[in-house]
Structures are given as C-alpha cells and as structure tokens.
Amino acid sequence: MKHLVLHLDLASPEAWSCFRRLPELLMGQHVWVEICPAGEPGQALAPLWRHALACGAPGALLNRWLAEQVLRAVWQDAPATGPELQPALARLAQVLTPSRDPDSPAVQQEWAALCERSRRLAAGAVPLLHRPADGACWVGEAAISLTDQGL
C-alpha cells in the first residue's frame, strides 16, 4: 500500500475542493492518505487544526475523517467573506471531542512541528500531495489530479 500525505492550509479555498476530489482521484489505488496541516503556527484558523490534532494520538497526522470534519466546519457553510473562526470552532466542537486539551503546550508544539514539516516541502496556501517513499510531490488541485499517473 502506498502512503501519501496531503498538506492543506485551512485558509486556502482550494483546500476543501481538493480534499473532496481526493477519493475520486485515488479510486482503484491502494493508498493510505494522511493529512498534514500547512500554514503558519499563529494563523487565525490554527485552533481548528489543534482541536482535531487533540483527538488523535500524540504526534500522529490526521486521518481523512478528522480532516474532513475540520474542512467541513470551515468551508461547508463559510460566508462569502471567507471562513470565520468562532462559528467553525462551534461546529467542530459538536462533532469532535478531543482526548487532550487543544490549547495545551504539547498540542501547540505538535501543530508547530507539522507546520514546519509542511514548510520544508514548500507547502503553502496551495494543497500539496507528497509521497514520502520517494519524495514525489504534486502541487495544486490541477496537479493533484495527475497523481494517479504518478502512482
């Protein structure tokens, strides 16, 4: 089974559309996908990623289900002006119950380390799909649609 890591910045309008297309793009492939937050540790939407990280094991990347809950909270009902933190956090809290404190130093350090991991791959506002086995990367929604050719 191949392992892929999708680096997403919650503030990117491409994040939700790219994530939603991922199952279609990888249909028929034997692939395990994890989601890694991209962005700056101090960005406004950081509490949402930390809330999801606090639901998983320490140091683990997000699985697709957890990432979907975060992306839905941000983008499904986002106003035309863009995502707003407090309504998105309230929606997320209805679905996810963290086993750790999202504001704890440990979770904040995990979040910062994952942002750094994404930054090292030059992941930014545009989604980036990474295959750790050989370092292959596909950037942006259009490039990610070519992933199946590279697998």
Protein backbone atom coordinates (compact mmCIF):
# COMPACT_ATOMS: atom_id res chain seq x y z
CA MET A 1 0.00 0.00 0.00
CA LYS A 2 1.32 3.41 -0.95
CA HIS A 3 1.48 6.21 1.61
CA LEU A 4 0.61 9.79 0.71
CA VAL A 5 0.48 12.94 2.84
CA LEU A 6 -1.80 15.78 1.78
CA HIS A 7 -0.63 19.15 3.11
CA LEU A 8 -3.52 21.60 3.45
CA ASP A 9 -3.82 25.18 4.60
CA LEU A 10 -7.32 25.70 6.02
CA ALA A 11 -7.34 29.29 4.82
CA SER A 12 -6.95 28.18 1.20
CA PRO A 13 -10.18 28.00 -0.80
CA GLU A 14 -8.53 25.15 -2.75
CA ALA A 15 -8.20 23.01 0.40
CA TRP A 16 -11.84 21.90 0.58
CA SER A 17 -12.31 21.30 -3.15
CA CYS A 18 -9.03 19.38 -3.38
CA PHE A 19 -9.86 17.26 -0.36
CA ARG A 20 -13.33 16.44 -1.72
CA ARG A 21 -11.87 15.31 -5.05
CA LEU A 22 -9.21 13.10 -3.47
CA PRO A 23 -11.29 9.87 -3.21
CA GLU A 24 -12.29 10.16 -6.87
CA LEU A 25 -8.69 10.78 -7.93
CA LEU A 26 -7.37 7.81 -5.98
CA MET A 27 -10.16 5.37 -6.79
CA GLY A 28 -8.79 1.92 -7.51
CA GLN A 29 -5.41 2.74 -5.96
CA HIS A 30 -4.11 1.04 -2.84
CA VAL A 31 -3.25 4.23 -1.00
CA TRP A 32 -3.15 5.33 2.62
CA VAL A 33 -3.61 9.12 2.92
CA GLU A 34 -2.84 11.24 5.95
CA ILE A 35 -3.45 14.96 6.25
CA CYS A 36 -0.79 17.39 7.47
CA PRO A 37 -1.66 20.97 8.36
CA ALA A 38 0.11 23.65 6.39
CA GLY A 39 0.25 27.32 7.27
CA GLU A 40 1.73 29.49 9.92
CA PRO A 41 1.55 28.39 13.58
CA GLY A 42 -0.02 31.73 14.54
CA GLN A 43 -2.72 31.81 11.83
CA ALA A 44 -6.30 32.55 12.84
CA LEU A 45 -7.61 29.06 11.97
CA ALA A 46 -4.90 27.23 13.98
CA PRO A 47 -7.32 26.39 16.85
CA LEU A 48 -9.35 24.23 14.44
CA TRP A 49 -6.36 22.10 13.44
CA ARG A 50 -5.29 21.85 17.08
CA HIS A 51 -8.80 20.73 18.06
CA ALA A 52 -8.57 17.86 15.55
CA LEU A 53 -4.97 17.01 16.49
CA ALA A 54 -6.05 16.72 20.13
CA CYS A 55 -8.48 13.95 19.09
CA GLY A 56 -5.69 11.73 17.81
CA ALA A 57 -2.64 10.08 19.26
CA PRO A 58 0.24 12.40 20.19
CA GLY A 59 2.43 13.07 17.15
CA ALA A 60 0.02 11.46 14.68
CA LEU A 61 -1.13 13.09 11.46
CA LEU A 62 -4.83 13.49 10.86
CA ASN A 63 -6.74 10.72 9.18
CA ARG A 64 -9.15 11.61 6.38
CA TRP A 65 -12.21 11.56 8.64
CA LEU A 66 -10.77 14.02 11.16
CA ALA A 67 -9.53 16.31 8.40
CA GLU A 68 -12.94 16.20 6.74
CA GLN A 69 -14.61 17.37 9.94
CA VAL A 70 -12.26 20.35 10.15
CA LEU A 71 -12.68 21.26 6.49
CA ARG A 72 -16.47 20.96 6.69
CA ALA A 73 -16.51 23.18 9.76
CA VAL A 74 -14.53 25.82 7.90
CA TRP A 75 -15.79 25.66 4.33
CA GLN A 76 -19.17 23.96 4.10
CA ASP A 77 -21.13 26.94 5.39
CA ALA A 78 -18.49 29.63 5.06
CA PRO A 79 -19.85 33.07 4.27
CA ALA A 80 -18.84 34.75 1.03
CA THR A 81 -16.31 36.79 3.01
CA GLY A 82 -14.41 33.61 3.90
CA PRO A 83 -14.13 31.35 6.91
CA GLU A 84 -14.74 32.67 10.40
CA LEU A 85 -13.10 31.02 13.39
CA GLN A 86 -15.76 31.06 16.11
CA PRO A 87 -18.68 29.58 14.10
CA ALA A 88 -16.35 26.97 12.61
CA LEU A 89 -14.96 26.04 16.04
CA ALA A 90 -18.50 25.73 17.42
CA ARG A 91 -19.48 23.39 14.53
CA LEU A 92 -16.31 21.35 15.04
CA ALA A 93 -16.89 21.02 18.80
CA GLN A 94 -20.31 19.47 18.07
CA VAL A 95 -18.65 16.64 16.13
CA LEU A 96 -15.23 16.12 17.74
CA THR A 97 -14.40 15.60 21.39
CA PRO A 98 -10.65 15.87 21.95
CA SER A 99 -8.98 13.50 24.38
CA ARG A 100 -6.32 16.15 25.05
CA ASP A 101 -6.52 19.91 25.58
CA PRO A 102 -6.18 21.59 22.15
CA ASP A 103 -4.56 24.61 23.84
CA SER A 104 -2.00 22.59 25.80
CA PRO A 105 1.68 23.25 25.11
CA ALA A 106 2.08 19.67 23.79
CA VAL A 107 -0.64 20.06 21.16
CA GLN A 108 0.61 23.53 20.23
CA GLN A 109 4.12 22.07 19.74
CA GLU A 110 2.70 19.27 17.57
CA TRP A 111 0.86 21.84 15.47
CA ALA A 112 4.01 23.96 15.05
CA ALA A 113 6.07 20.87 14.14
CA LEU A 114 3.54 19.85 11.48
CA CYS A 115 3.53 23.36 10.04
CA GLU A 116 7.31 23.18 9.87
CA ARG A 117 7.11 19.79 8.15
CA SER A 118 4.83 21.31 5.51
CA ARG A 119 7.05 24.38 5.17
CA ARG A 120 10.12 22.18 4.49
CA LEU A 121 8.26 20.75 1.48
CA ALA A 122 7.37 24.29 0.35
CA ALA A 123 3.69 23.62 1.03
CA GLY A 124 1.82 26.85 1.32
CA ALA A 125 -1.63 28.15 0.53
CA VAL A 126 -1.93 25.67 -2.34
CA PRO A 127 -2.55 21.99 -1.46
CA LEU A 128 0.47 19.72 -1.83
CA LEU A 129 0.35 15.92 -2.07
CA HIS A 130 3.59 14.22 -1.02
CA ARG A 131 4.73 10.63 -1.42
CA PRO A 132 7.31 10.18 1.37
CA ALA A 133 8.75 6.96 -0.10
CA ASP A 134 10.47 8.80 -2.94
CA GLY A 135 9.81 12.48 -2.23
CA ALA A 136 7.45 12.97 -5.19
CA CYS A 137 5.16 15.98 -4.82
CA TRP A 138 2.12 17.21 -6.68
CA VAL A 139 1.12 20.84 -6.07
CA GLY A 140 -2.27 22.44 -6.51
CA GLU A 141 -5.61 20.92 -7.33
CA ALA A 142 -4.84 20.60 -11.05
CA ALA A 143 -1.50 18.87 -10.42
CA ILE A 144 -3.04 16.59 -7.81
CA SER A 145 -5.49 15.35 -10.42
CA LEU A 146 -2.44 13.89 -12.22
CA THR A 147 -1.44 11.92 -9.12
CA ASP A 148 -2.89 8.64 -10.39
CA GLN A 149 -0.45 8.73 -13.28
CA GLY A 150 2.47 9.01 -10.85
CA LEU A 151 1.25 6.15 -8.64
